Structures are given as C-alpha cells and as structure tokens.
Amino acid sequence: MISAREGELPGSTDEVLRSLAIATGRVVVTHDRDFGRLATLAATHPPGVVFIRPGHLDTAFTIAQFEQLLAADLEVEPPFLLVAEQQQGGLNVRLRTLRTER
C-alpha cells in the first residue's frame, strides 16, 4: 500500500493516479467522488476503486471504515467499484463490477 503523499504524488490529477494504479495493478482508496466517475467512464480501469463516504479526512475514520470492509470479507472481482458509506447502524456497501470493454 502506498499513499499519494508517500509516492510524492500530492496534487496529481485523477487521471495520473488512475494511470498509475493501472500500471502497478493497485486498488485506489479515495474520498473523491469525481475519481469514481472517472473510473467508471474510462475505457480502461484500475483493478479497483474503493470510495469511502462521507469524505472525512480524519485518518482514524478512514481506517475504521476500511477495517469494517476487510472484516466483511467481500468477494470482489477486478475491475470493481466499491462504495462504503457510514450510516446510522453500520456500514452500507455497494459493489459493482466495471465493464472491461466498450
């Protein structure tokens, strides 16, 4: 796992991050709604996009949501878009497989 900061990528465009994820076979974890749109509309996709809502920047919140996702032991098949949203009573998860050909 690598953060944008660790990869010296802060301020990079969504397209740069998407291309890097594809080239390195990495899943993108983001709070950025636009990234999810880009991923679904593009002709090629990263292996996966995990969109965590709401877009809190609090690291502890993000880690807690991600730990809940891991505990759920979801079966996903790349390329995928997973939306995780904290709601009263727990974590709501929506998962969809992205089309690989147009």
PDB file of N, CA and C in Angstrom:
ATOM      1  N   MET A   1       0.849  -1.163   0.000  1.00  0.00           N
ATOM      2  CA  MET A   1       0.000   0.000   0.000  1.00  0.00           C
ATOM      3  C   MET A   1       0.899   1.232   0.000  1.00  0.00           C
ATOM      4  N   ILE A   2       0.449   2.236  -0.752  1.00  0.00           N
ATOM      5  CA  ILE A   2       1.199   3.484  -0.815  1.00  0.00           C
ATOM      6  C   ILE A   2       0.197   4.632  -0.876  1.00  0.00           C
ATOM      7  N   SER A   3       0.475   5.683  -0.154  1.00  0.00           N
ATOM      8  CA  SER A   3      -0.394   6.854  -0.209  1.00  0.00           C
ATOM      9  C   SER A   3       0.146   7.809  -1.278  1.00  0.00           C
ATOM     10  N   ALA A   4      -0.718   8.729  -1.690  1.00  0.00           N
ATOM     11  CA  ALA A   4      -0.273   9.735  -2.662  1.00  0.00           C
ATOM     12  C   ALA A   4       0.904  10.518  -2.106  1.00  0.00           C
ATOM     13  N   ARG A   5       0.862  10.785  -0.808  1.00  0.00           N
ATOM     14  CA  ARG A   5       1.940  11.540  -0.169  1.00  0.00           C
ATOM     15  C   ARG A   5       3.243  10.740  -0.215  1.00  0.00           C
ATOM     16  N   GLU A   6       3.195   9.448   0.120  1.00  0.00           N
ATOM     17  CA  GLU A   6       4.398   8.609   0.118  1.00  0.00           C
ATOM     18  C   GLU A   6       4.973   8.451  -1.280  1.00  0.00           C
ATOM     19  N   GLY A   7       4.103   8.436  -2.263  1.00  0.00           N
ATOM     20  CA  GLY A   7       4.554   8.293  -3.647  1.00  0.00           C
ATOM     21  C   GLY A   7       4.914   9.616  -4.285  1.00  0.00           C
ATOM     22  N   GLU A   8       4.977  10.668  -3.460  1.00  0.00           N
ATOM     23  CA  GLU A   8       5.281  12.016  -3.934  1.00  0.00           C
ATOM     24  C   GLU A   8       4.317  12.452  -5.042  1.00  0.00           C
ATOM     25  N   LEU A   9       3.031  12.139  -4.814  1.00  0.00           N
ATOM     26  CA  LEU A   9       2.009  12.433  -5.804  1.00  0.00           C
ATOM     27  C   LEU A   9       0.944  13.435  -5.357  1.00  0.00           C
ATOM     28  N   PRO A  10       1.091  14.104  -4.186  1.00  0.00           N
ATOM     29  CA  PRO A  10       0.057  15.060  -3.792  1.00  0.00           C
ATOM     30  C   PRO A  10      -0.168  16.093  -4.890  1.00  0.00           C
ATOM     31  N   GLY A  11      -1.420  16.386  -5.143  1.00  0.00           N
ATOM     32  CA  GLY A  11      -1.752  17.367  -6.169  1.00  0.00           C
ATOM     33  C   GLY A  11      -1.832  16.781  -7.566  1.00  0.00           C
ATOM     34  N   SER A  12      -1.563  15.491  -7.708  1.00  0.00           N
ATOM     35  CA  SER A  12      -1.653  14.858  -9.029  1.00  0.00           C
ATOM     36  C   SER A  12      -3.110  14.802  -9.471  1.00  0.00           C
ATOM     37  N   THR A  13      -3.311  14.821 -10.772  1.00  0.00           N
ATOM     38  CA  THR A  13      -4.668  14.735 -11.299  1.00  0.00           C
ATOM     39  C   THR A  13      -5.205  13.322 -11.104  1.00  0.00           C
ATOM     40  N   ASP A  14      -6.526  13.205 -11.143  1.00  0.00           N
ATOM     41  CA  ASP A  14      -7.149  11.885 -11.046  1.00  0.00           C
ATOM     42  C   ASP A  14      -6.654  10.976 -12.162  1.00  0.00           C
ATOM     43  N   GLU A  15      -6.454  11.534 -13.346  1.00  0.00           N
ATOM     44  CA  GLU A  15      -6.005  10.726 -14.481  1.00  0.00           C
ATOM     45  C   GLU A  15      -4.615  10.155 -14.232  1.00  0.00           C
ATOM     46  N   VAL A  16      -3.721  10.950 -13.659  1.00  0.00           N
ATOM     47  CA  VAL A  16      -2.374  10.455 -13.335  1.00  0.00           C
ATOM     48  C   VAL A  16      -2.468   9.317 -12.323  1.00  0.00           C
ATOM     49  N   LEU A  17      -3.279   9.487 -11.287  1.00  0.00           N
ATOM     50  CA  LEU A  17      -3.428   8.447 -10.270  1.00  0.00           C
ATOM     51  C   LEU A  17      -4.084   7.197 -10.845  1.00  0.00           C
ATOM     52  N   ARG A  18      -5.093   7.367 -11.702  1.00  0.00           N
ATOM     53  CA  ARG A  18      -5.748   6.227 -12.351  1.00  0.00           C
ATOM     54  C   ARG A  18      -4.758   5.460 -13.213  1.00  0.00           C
ATOM     55  N   SER A  19      -3.975   6.166 -14.008  1.00  0.00           N
ATOM     56  CA  SER A  19      -2.981   5.520 -14.880  1.00  0.00           C
ATOM     57  C   SER A  19      -1.928   4.783 -14.068  1.00  0.00           C
ATOM     58  N   LEU A  20      -1.488   5.381 -12.964  1.00  0.00           N
ATOM     59  CA  LEU A  20      -0.507   4.736 -12.103  1.00  0.00           C
ATOM     60  C   LEU A  20      -1.085   3.463 -11.479  1.00  0.00           C
ATOM     61  N   ALA A  21      -2.339   3.518 -11.041  1.00  0.00           N
ATOM     62  CA  ALA A  21      -2.982   2.333 -10.457  1.00  0.00           C
ATOM     63  C   ALA A  21      -3.079   1.213 -11.485  1.00  0.00           C
ATOM     64  N   ILE A  22      -3.403   1.552 -12.714  1.00  0.00           N
ATOM     65  CA  ILE A  22      -3.474   0.545 -13.774  1.00  0.00           C
ATOM     66  C   ILE A  22      -2.101  -0.048 -14.021  1.00  0.00           C
ATOM     67  N   ALA A  23      -1.090   0.799 -14.153  1.00  0.00           N
ATOM     68  CA  ALA A  23       0.269   0.340 -14.462  1.00  0.00           C
ATOM     69  C   ALA A  23       0.860  -0.534 -13.362  1.00  0.00           C
ATOM     70  N   THR A  24       0.478  -0.268 -12.109  1.00  0.00           N
ATOM     71  CA  THR A  24       1.063  -1.010 -10.989  1.00  0.00           C
ATOM     72  C   THR A  24       0.121  -2.061 -10.403  1.00  0.00           C
ATOM     73  N   GLY A  25      -1.082  -2.167 -10.973  1.00  0.00           N
ATOM     74  CA  GLY A  25      -2.035  -3.163 -10.508  1.00  0.00           C
ATOM     75  C   GLY A  25      -2.568  -2.898  -9.115  1.00  0.00           C
ATOM     76  N   ARG A  26      -2.749  -1.634  -8.768  1.00  0.00           N
ATOM     77  CA  ARG A  26      -3.187  -1.268  -7.419  1.00  0.00           C
ATOM     78  C   ARG A  26      -4.649  -0.824  -7.394  1.00  0.00           C
ATOM     79  N   VAL A  27      -5.274  -1.055  -6.260  1.00  0.00           N
ATOM     80  CA  VAL A  27      -6.620  -0.569  -5.982  1.00  0.00           C
ATOM     81  C   VAL A  27      -6.486   0.834  -5.404  1.00  0.00           C
ATOM     82  N   VAL A  28      -7.362   1.734  -5.813  1.00  0.00           N
ATOM     83  CA  VAL A  28      -7.361   3.110  -5.317  1.00  0.00           C
ATOM     84  C   VAL A  28      -8.397   3.238  -4.212  1.00  0.00           C
ATOM     85  N   VAL A  29      -7.991   3.778  -3.069  1.00  0.00           N
ATOM     86  CA  VAL A  29      -8.905   4.100  -1.974  1.00  0.00           C
ATOM     87  C   VAL A  29      -9.003   5.617  -1.943  1.00  0.00           C
ATOM     88  N   THR A  30     -10.222   6.135  -2.018  1.00  0.00           N
ATOM     89  CA  THR A  30     -10.386   7.572  -2.161  1.00  0.00           C
ATOM     90  C   THR A  30     -11.639   8.076  -1.455  1.00  0.00           C
ATOM     91  N   HIS A  31     -11.645   9.374  -1.177  1.00  0.00           N
ATOM     92  CA  HIS A  31     -12.835  10.084  -0.715  1.00  0.00           C
ATOM     93  C   HIS A  31     -13.395  10.931  -1.860  1.00  0.00           C
ATOM     94  N   ASP A  32     -12.732  10.926  -2.991  1.00  0.00           N
ATOM     95  CA  ASP A  32     -13.025  11.817  -4.118  1.00  0.00           C
ATOM     96  C   ASP A  32     -14.097  11.217  -5.031  1.00  0.00           C
ATOM     97  N   ARG A  33     -15.296  11.799  -4.984  1.00  0.00           N
ATOM     98  CA  ARG A  33     -16.422  11.323  -5.797  1.00  0.00           C
ATOM     99  C   ARG A  33     -16.082  11.363  -7.292  1.00  0.00           C
ATOM    100  N   ASP A  34     -15.355  12.384  -7.717  1.00  0.00           N
ATOM    101  CA  ASP A  34     -15.005  12.503  -9.132  1.00  0.00           C
ATOM    102  C   ASP A  34     -14.143  11.338  -9.603  1.00  0.00           C
ATOM    103  N   PHE A  35     -13.304  10.804  -8.727  1.00  0.00           N
ATOM    104  CA  PHE A  35     -12.453   9.678  -9.118  1.00  0.00           C
ATOM    105  C   PHE A  35     -13.312   8.470  -9.477  1.00  0.00           C
ATOM    106  N   GLY A  36     -14.367   8.235  -8.721  1.00  0.00           N
ATOM    107  CA  GLY A  36     -15.273   7.122  -9.028  1.00  0.00           C
ATOM    108  C   GLY A  36     -15.921   7.296 -10.382  1.00  0.00           C
ATOM    109  N   ARG A  37     -16.338   8.522 -10.690  1.00  0.00           N
ATOM    110  CA  ARG A  37     -16.924   8.786 -12.008  1.00  0.00           C
ATOM    111  C   ARG A  37     -15.910   8.541 -13.117  1.00  0.00           C
ATOM    112  N   LEU A  38     -14.694   9.035 -12.927  1.00  0.00           N
ATOM    113  CA  LEU A  38     -13.643   8.838 -13.923  1.00  0.00           C
ATOM    114  C   LEU A  38     -13.402   7.349 -14.150  1.00  0.00           C
ATOM    115  N   ALA A  39     -13.336   6.595 -13.069  1.00  0.00           N
ATOM    116  CA  ALA A  39     -13.058   5.167 -13.172  1.00  0.00           C
ATOM    117  C   ALA A  39     -14.147   4.431 -13.940  1.00  0.00           C
ATOM    118  N   THR A  40     -15.406   4.809 -13.745  1.00  0.00           N
ATOM    119  CA  THR A  40     -16.488   4.102 -14.425  1.00  0.00           C
ATOM    120  C   THR A  40     -16.627   4.512 -15.887  1.00  0.00           C
ATOM    121  N   LEU A  41     -16.237   5.727 -16.229  1.00  0.00           N
ATOM    122  CA  LEU A  41     -16.401   6.207 -17.598  1.00  0.00           C
ATOM    123  C   LEU A  41     -15.213   5.890 -18.505  1.00  0.00           C
ATOM    124  N   ALA A  42     -14.058   5.632 -17.921  1.00  0.00           N
ATOM    125  CA  ALA A  42     -12.855   5.392 -18.719  1.00  0.00           C
ATOM    126  C   ALA A  42     -12.935   4.051 -19.445  1.00  0.00           C
ATOM    127  N   ALA A  43     -12.204   3.944 -20.537  1.00  0.00           N
ATOM    128  CA  ALA A  43     -12.170   2.700 -21.311  1.00  0.00           C
ATOM    129  C   ALA A  43     -11.386   1.608 -20.579  1.00  0.00           C
ATOM    130  N   THR A  44     -10.382   1.992 -19.803  1.00  0.00           N
ATOM    131  CA  THR A  44      -9.623   1.026 -19.006  1.00  0.00           C
ATOM    132  C   THR A  44      -9.721   1.434 -17.539  1.00  0.00           C
ATOM    133  N   HIS A  45      -9.690   0.450 -16.671  1.00  0.00           N
ATOM    134  CA  HIS A  45      -9.927   0.691 -15.257  1.00  0.00           C
ATOM    135  C   HIS A  45      -8.759   0.194 -14.414  1.00  0.00           C
ATOM    136  N   PRO A  46      -8.552   0.817 -13.268  1.00  0.00           N
ATOM    137  CA  PRO A  46      -7.628   0.218 -12.299  1.00  0.00           C
ATOM    138  C   PRO A  46      -8.280  -1.066 -11.785  1.00  0.00           C
ATOM    139  N   PRO A  47      -7.514  -1.931 -11.116  1.00  0.00           N
ATOM    140  CA  PRO A  47      -8.103  -3.168 -10.606  1.00  0.00           C
ATOM    141  C   PRO A  47      -9.329  -2.915  -9.726  1.00  0.00           C
ATOM    142  N   GLY A  48      -9.327  -1.814  -9.013  1.00  0.00           N
ATOM    143  CA  GLY A  48     -10.480  -1.495  -8.181  1.00  0.00           C
ATOM    144  C   GLY A  48     -10.413  -0.091  -7.642  1.00  0.00           C
ATOM    145  N   VAL A  49     -11.587   0.427  -7.293  1.00  0.00           N
ATOM    146  CA  VAL A  49     -11.698   1.727  -6.656  1.00  0.00           C
ATOM    147  C   VAL A  49     -12.592   1.546  -5.435  1.00  0.00           C
ATOM    148  N   VAL A  50     -12.094   1.938  -4.276  1.00  0.00           N
ATOM    149  CA  VAL A  50     -12.864   1.931  -3.043  1.00  0.00           C
ATOM    150  C   VAL A  50     -13.119   3.385  -2.683  1.00  0.00           C
ATOM    151  N   PHE A  51     -14.387   3.767  -2.740  1.00  0.00           N
ATOM    152  CA  PHE A  51     -14.797   5.144  -2.475  1.00  0.00           C
ATOM    153  C   PHE A  51     -15.431   5.176  -1.091  1.00  0.00           C
ATOM    154  N   ILE A  52     -14.801   5.862  -0.157  1.00  0.00           N
ATOM    155  CA  ILE A  52     -15.264   5.921   1.218  1.00  0.00           C
ATOM    156  C   ILE A  52     -15.989   7.234   1.455  1.00  0.00           C
ATOM    157  N   ARG A  53     -17.264   7.114   1.897  1.00  0.00           N
ATOM    158  CA  ARG A  53     -18.100   8.268   2.175  1.00  0.00           C
ATOM    159  C   ARG A  53     -18.486   8.256   3.635  1.00  0.00           C
ATOM    160  N   PRO A  54     -18.784   9.374   4.238  1.00  0.00           N
ATOM    161  CA  PRO A  54     -18.572  10.708   3.691  1.00  0.00           C
ATOM    162  C   PRO A  54     -17.090  11.021   3.598  1.00  0.00           C
ATOM    163  N   GLY A  55     -16.784  12.083   2.918  1.00  0.00           N
ATOM    164  CA  GLY A  55     -15.401  12.420   2.626  1.00  0.00           C
ATOM    165  C   GLY A  55     -14.632  13.033   3.767  1.00  0.00           C
ATOM    166  N   HIS A  56     -14.692  12.416   4.922  1.00  0.00           N
ATOM    167  CA  HIS A  56     -13.891  12.898   6.044  1.00  0.00           C
ATOM    168  C   HIS A  56     -12.412  12.703   5.724  1.00  0.00           C
ATOM    169  N   LEU A  57     -11.607  13.587   6.193  1.00  0.00           N
ATOM    170  CA  LEU A  57     -10.170  13.454   6.012  1.00  0.00           C
ATOM    171  C   LEU A  57      -9.502  12.910   7.269  1.00  0.00           C
ATOM    172  N   ASP A  58     -10.303  12.577   8.275  1.00  0.00           N
ATOM    173  CA  ASP A  58      -9.788  12.030   9.516  1.00  0.00           C
ATOM    174  C   ASP A  58      -9.271  10.610   9.266  1.00  0.00           C
ATOM    175  N   THR A  59      -8.001  10.389   9.505  1.00  0.00           N
ATOM    176  CA  THR A  59      -7.371   9.105   9.230  1.00  0.00           C
ATOM    177  C   THR A  59      -8.004   7.980  10.037  1.00  0.00           C
ATOM    178  N   ALA A  60      -8.320   8.217  11.297  1.00  0.00           N
ATOM    179  CA  ALA A  60      -8.917   7.178  12.140  1.00  0.00           C
ATOM    180  C   ALA A  60     -10.268   6.730  11.576  1.00  0.00           C
ATOM    181  N   PHE A  61     -11.056   7.671  11.059  1.00  0.00           N
ATOM    182  CA  PHE A  61     -12.350   7.344  10.449  1.00  0.00           C
ATOM    183  C   PHE A  61     -12.149   6.447   9.236  1.00  0.00           C
ATOM    184  N   THR A  62     -11.233   6.823   8.381  1.00  0.00           N
ATOM    185  CA  THR A  62     -10.965   6.049   7.168  1.00  0.00           C
ATOM    186  C   THR A  62     -10.478   4.649   7.511  1.00  0.00           C
ATOM    187  N   ILE A  63      -9.574   4.549   8.447  1.00  0.00           N
ATOM    188  CA  ILE A  63      -9.050   3.237   8.852  1.00  0.00           C
ATOM    189  C   ILE A  63     -10.163   2.375   9.434  1.00  0.00           C
ATOM    190  N   ALA A  64     -11.018   2.954  10.253  1.00  0.00           N
ATOM    191  CA  ALA A  64     -12.122   2.199  10.852  1.00  0.00           C
ATOM    192  C   ALA A  64     -13.066   1.668   9.777  1.00  0.00           C
ATOM    193  N   GLN A  65     -13.377   2.490   8.775  1.00  0.00           N
ATOM    194  CA  GLN A  65     -14.242   2.029   7.687  1.00  0.00           C
ATOM    195  C   GLN A  65     -13.561   0.937   6.883  1.00  0.00           C
ATOM    196  N   PHE A  66     -12.286   1.098   6.627  1.00  0.00           N
ATOM    197  CA  PHE A  66     -11.563   0.105   5.844  1.00  0.00           C
ATOM    198  C   PHE A  66     -11.483  -1.215   6.611  1.00  0.00           C
ATOM    199  N   GLU A  67     -11.282  -1.143   7.918  1.00  0.00           N
ATOM    200  CA  GLU A  67     -11.260  -2.368   8.731  1.00  0.00           C
ATOM    201  C   GLU A  67     -12.614  -3.074   8.692  1.00  0.00           C
ATOM    202  N   GLN A  68     -13.705  -2.302   8.693  1.00  0.00           N
ATOM    203  CA  GLN A  68     -15.034  -2.910   8.571  1.00  0.00           C
ATOM    204  C   GLN A  68     -15.196  -3.603   7.220  1.00  0.00           C
ATOM    205  N   LEU A  69     -14.681  -2.987   6.179  1.00  0.00           N
ATOM    206  CA  LEU A  69     -14.750  -3.606   4.855  1.00  0.00           C
ATOM    207  C   LEU A  69     -13.972  -4.918   4.818  1.00  0.00           C
ATOM    208  N   LEU A  70     -12.778  -4.909   5.370  1.00  0.00           N
ATOM    209  CA  LEU A  70     -11.973  -6.131   5.397  1.00  0.00           C
ATOM    210  C   LEU A  70     -12.654  -7.226   6.210  1.00  0.00           C
ATOM    211  N   ALA A  71     -13.264  -6.855   7.327  1.00  0.00           N
ATOM    212  CA  ALA A  71     -13.958  -7.831   8.180  1.00  0.00           C
ATOM    213  C   ALA A  71     -15.175  -8.427   7.462  1.00  0.00           C
ATOM    214  N   ALA A  72     -15.763  -7.679   6.548  1.00  0.00           N
ATOM    215  CA  ALA A  72     -16.928  -8.165   5.811  1.00  0.00           C
ATOM    216  C   ALA A  72     -16.555  -9.286   4.844  1.00  0.00           C
ATOM    217  N   ASP A  73     -15.264  -9.407   4.522  1.00  0.00           N
ATOM    218  CA  ASP A  73     -14.764 -10.476   3.651  1.00  0.00           C
ATOM    219  C   ASP A  73     -15.571 -10.573   2.354  1.00  0.00           C
ATOM    220  N   LEU A  74     -15.707  -9.451   1.681  1.00  0.00           N
ATOM    221  CA  LEU A  74     -16.471  -9.386   0.434  1.00  0.00           C
ATOM    222  C   LEU A  74     -15.716 -10.077  -0.703  1.00  0.00           C
ATOM    223  N   GLU A  75     -16.461 -10.722  -1.561  1.00  0.00           N
ATOM    224  CA  GLU A  75     -15.850 -11.308  -2.748  1.00  0.00           C
ATOM    225  C   GLU A  75     -15.958 -10.277  -3.873  1.00  0.00           C
ATOM    226  N   VAL A  76     -14.807  -9.830  -4.338  1.00  0.00           N
ATOM    227  CA  VAL A  76     -14.777  -8.843  -5.415  1.00  0.00           C
ATOM    228  C   VAL A  76     -13.938  -9.385  -6.554  1.00  0.00           C
ATOM    229  N   GLU A  77     -14.323  -9.000  -7.744  1.00  0.00           N
ATOM    230  CA  GLU A  77     -13.570  -9.402  -8.920  1.00  0.00           C
ATOM    231  C   GLU A  77     -13.202  -8.150  -9.712  1.00  0.00           C
ATOM    232  N   PRO A  78     -11.914  -7.953  -9.954  1.00  0.00           N
ATOM    233  CA  PRO A  78     -11.479  -6.753 -10.675  1.00  0.00           C
ATOM    234  C   PRO A  78     -11.987  -6.755 -12.115  1.00  0.00           C
ATOM    235  N   PRO A  79     -12.193  -5.595 -12.652  1.00  0.00           N
ATOM    236  CA  PRO A  79     -12.171  -4.274 -12.020  1.00  0.00           C
ATOM    237  C   PRO A  79     -13.506  -4.022 -11.306  1.00  0.00           C
ATOM    238  N   PHE A  80     -13.415  -3.352 -10.178  1.00  0.00           N
ATOM    239  CA  PHE A  80     -14.622  -3.107  -9.378  1.00  0.00           C
ATOM    240  C   PHE A  80     -14.639  -1.688  -8.835  1.00  0.00           C
ATOM    241  N   LEU A  81     -15.843  -1.258  -8.488  1.00  0.00           N
ATOM    242  CA  LEU A  81     -16.059  -0.002  -7.772  1.00  0.00           C
ATOM    243  C   LEU A  81     -16.852  -0.359  -6.527  1.00  0.00           C
ATOM    244  N   LEU A  82     -16.301  -0.034  -5.379  1.00  0.00           N
ATOM    245  CA  LEU A  82     -16.951  -0.309  -4.108  1.00  0.00           C
ATOM    246  C   LEU A  82     -17.166   1.020  -3.402  1.00  0.00           C
ATOM    247  N   VAL A  83     -18.405   1.279  -3.025  1.00  0.00           N
ATOM    248  CA  VAL A  83     -18.739   2.491  -2.291  1.00  0.00           C
ATOM    249  C   VAL A  83     -19.116   2.082  -0.874  1.00  0.00           C
ATOM    250  N   ALA A  84     -18.409   2.622   0.095  1.00  0.00           N
ATOM    251  CA  ALA A  84     -18.678   2.337   1.508  1.00  0.00           C
ATOM    252  C   ALA A  84     -19.113   3.629   2.173  1.00  0.00           C
ATOM    253  N   GLU A  85     -20.292   3.587   2.773  1.00  0.00           N
ATOM    254  CA  GLU A  85     -20.822   4.794   3.397  1.00  0.00           C
ATOM    255  C   GLU A  85     -21.264   4.487   4.817  1.00  0.00           C
ATOM    256  N   GLN A  86     -20.705   5.227   5.756  1.00  0.00           N
ATOM    257  CA  GLN A  86     -21.084   5.068   7.155  1.00  0.00           C
ATOM    258  C   GLN A  86     -22.468   5.653   7.342  1.00  0.00           C
ATOM    259  N   GLN A  87     -23.376   4.833   7.840  1.00  0.00           N
ATOM    260  CA  GLN A  87     -24.730   5.294   8.119  1.00  0.00           C
ATOM    261  C   GLN A  87     -25.090   4.870   9.528  1.00  0.00           C
ATOM    262  N   GLN A  88     -26.132   5.463  10.025  1.00  0.00           N
ATOM    263  CA  GLN A  88     -26.580   5.095  11.367  1.00  0.00           C
ATOM    264  C   GLN A  88     -26.890   3.599  11.360  1.00  0.00           C
ATOM    265  N   GLY A  89     -26.264   2.879  12.258  1.00  0.00           N
ATOM    266  CA  GLY A  89     -26.499   1.446  12.324  1.00  0.00           C
ATOM    267  C   GLY A  89     -25.451   0.614  11.604  1.00  0.00           C
ATOM    268  N   GLY A  90     -24.474   1.242  10.976  1.00  0.00           N
ATOM    269  CA  GLY A  90     -23.422   0.448  10.360  1.00  0.00           C
ATOM    270  C   GLY A  90     -22.926   0.985   9.041  1.00  0.00           C
ATOM    271  N   LEU A  91     -22.220   0.126   8.348  1.00  0.00           N
ATOM    272  CA  LEU A  91     -21.588   0.490   7.082  1.00  0.00           C
ATOM    273  C   LEU A  91     -22.421  -0.044   5.926  1.00  0.00           C
ATOM    274  N   ASN A  92     -22.840   0.829   5.029  1.00  0.00           N
ATOM    275  CA  ASN A  92     -23.577   0.438   3.837  1.00  0.00           C
ATOM    276  C   ASN A  92     -22.566   0.273   2.700  1.00  0.00           C
ATOM    277  N   VAL A  93     -22.574  -0.882   2.037  1.00  0.00           N
ATOM    278  CA  VAL A  93     -21.612  -1.162   0.982  1.00  0.00           C
ATOM    279  C   VAL A  93     -22.353  -1.448  -0.323  1.00  0.00           C
ATOM    280  N   ARG A  94     -21.920  -0.764  -1.377  1.00  0.00           N
ATOM    281  CA  ARG A  94     -22.420  -1.050  -2.727  1.00  0.00           C
ATOM    282  C   ARG A  94     -21.229  -1.469  -3.565  1.00  0.00           C
ATOM    283  N   LEU A  95     -21.374  -2.548  -4.303  1.00  0.00           N
ATOM    284  CA  LEU A  95     -20.275  -3.093  -5.092  1.00  0.00           C
ATOM    285  C   LEU A  95     -20.762  -3.334  -6.504  1.00  0.00           C
ATOM    286  N   ARG A  96     -19.956  -2.908  -7.451  1.00  0.00           N
ATOM    287  CA  ARG A  96     -20.296  -3.200  -8.843  1.00  0.00           C
ATOM    288  C   ARG A  96     -19.030  -3.521  -9.621  1.00  0.00           C
ATOM    289  N   THR A  97     -19.172  -4.435 -10.549  1.00  0.00           N
ATOM    290  CA  THR A  97     -18.070  -4.781 -11.438  1.00  0.00           C
ATOM    291  C   THR A  97     -18.072  -3.798 -12.592  1.00  0.00           C
ATOM    292  N   LEU A  98     -16.899  -3.298 -12.935  1.00  0.00           N
ATOM    293  CA  LEU A  98     -16.782  -2.353 -14.050  1.00  0.00           C
ATOM    294  C   LEU A  98     -16.588  -3.127 -15.342  1.00  0.00           C
ATOM    295  N   ARG A  99     -17.223  -2.662 -16.390  1.00  0.00           N
ATOM    296  CA  ARG A  99     -17.068  -3.321 -17.684  1.00  0.00           C
ATOM    297  C   ARG A  99     -15.652  -3.124 -18.198  1.00  0.00           C
ATOM    298  N   THR A 100     -15.100  -4.179 -18.786  1.00  0.00           N
ATOM    299  CA  THR A 100     -13.736  -4.101 -19.276  1.00  0.00           C
ATOM    300  C   THR A 100     -13.656  -3.737 -20.744  1.00  0.00           C
ATOM    301  N   GLU A 101     -14.737  -3.858 -21.479  1.00  0.00           N
ATOM    302  CA  GLU A 101     -14.723  -3.495 -22.895  1.00  0.00           C
ATOM    303  C   GLU A 101     -15.921  -2.636 -23.200  1.00  0.00           C
ATOM    304  N   ARG A 102     -15.752  -1.770 -24.170  1.00  0.00           N
ATOM    305  CA  ARG A 102     -16.856  -0.884 -24.588  1.00  0.00           C
ATOM    306  C   ARG A 102     -17.422  -1.360 -25.890  1.00  0.00           C
TER     307      ARG A 102
END
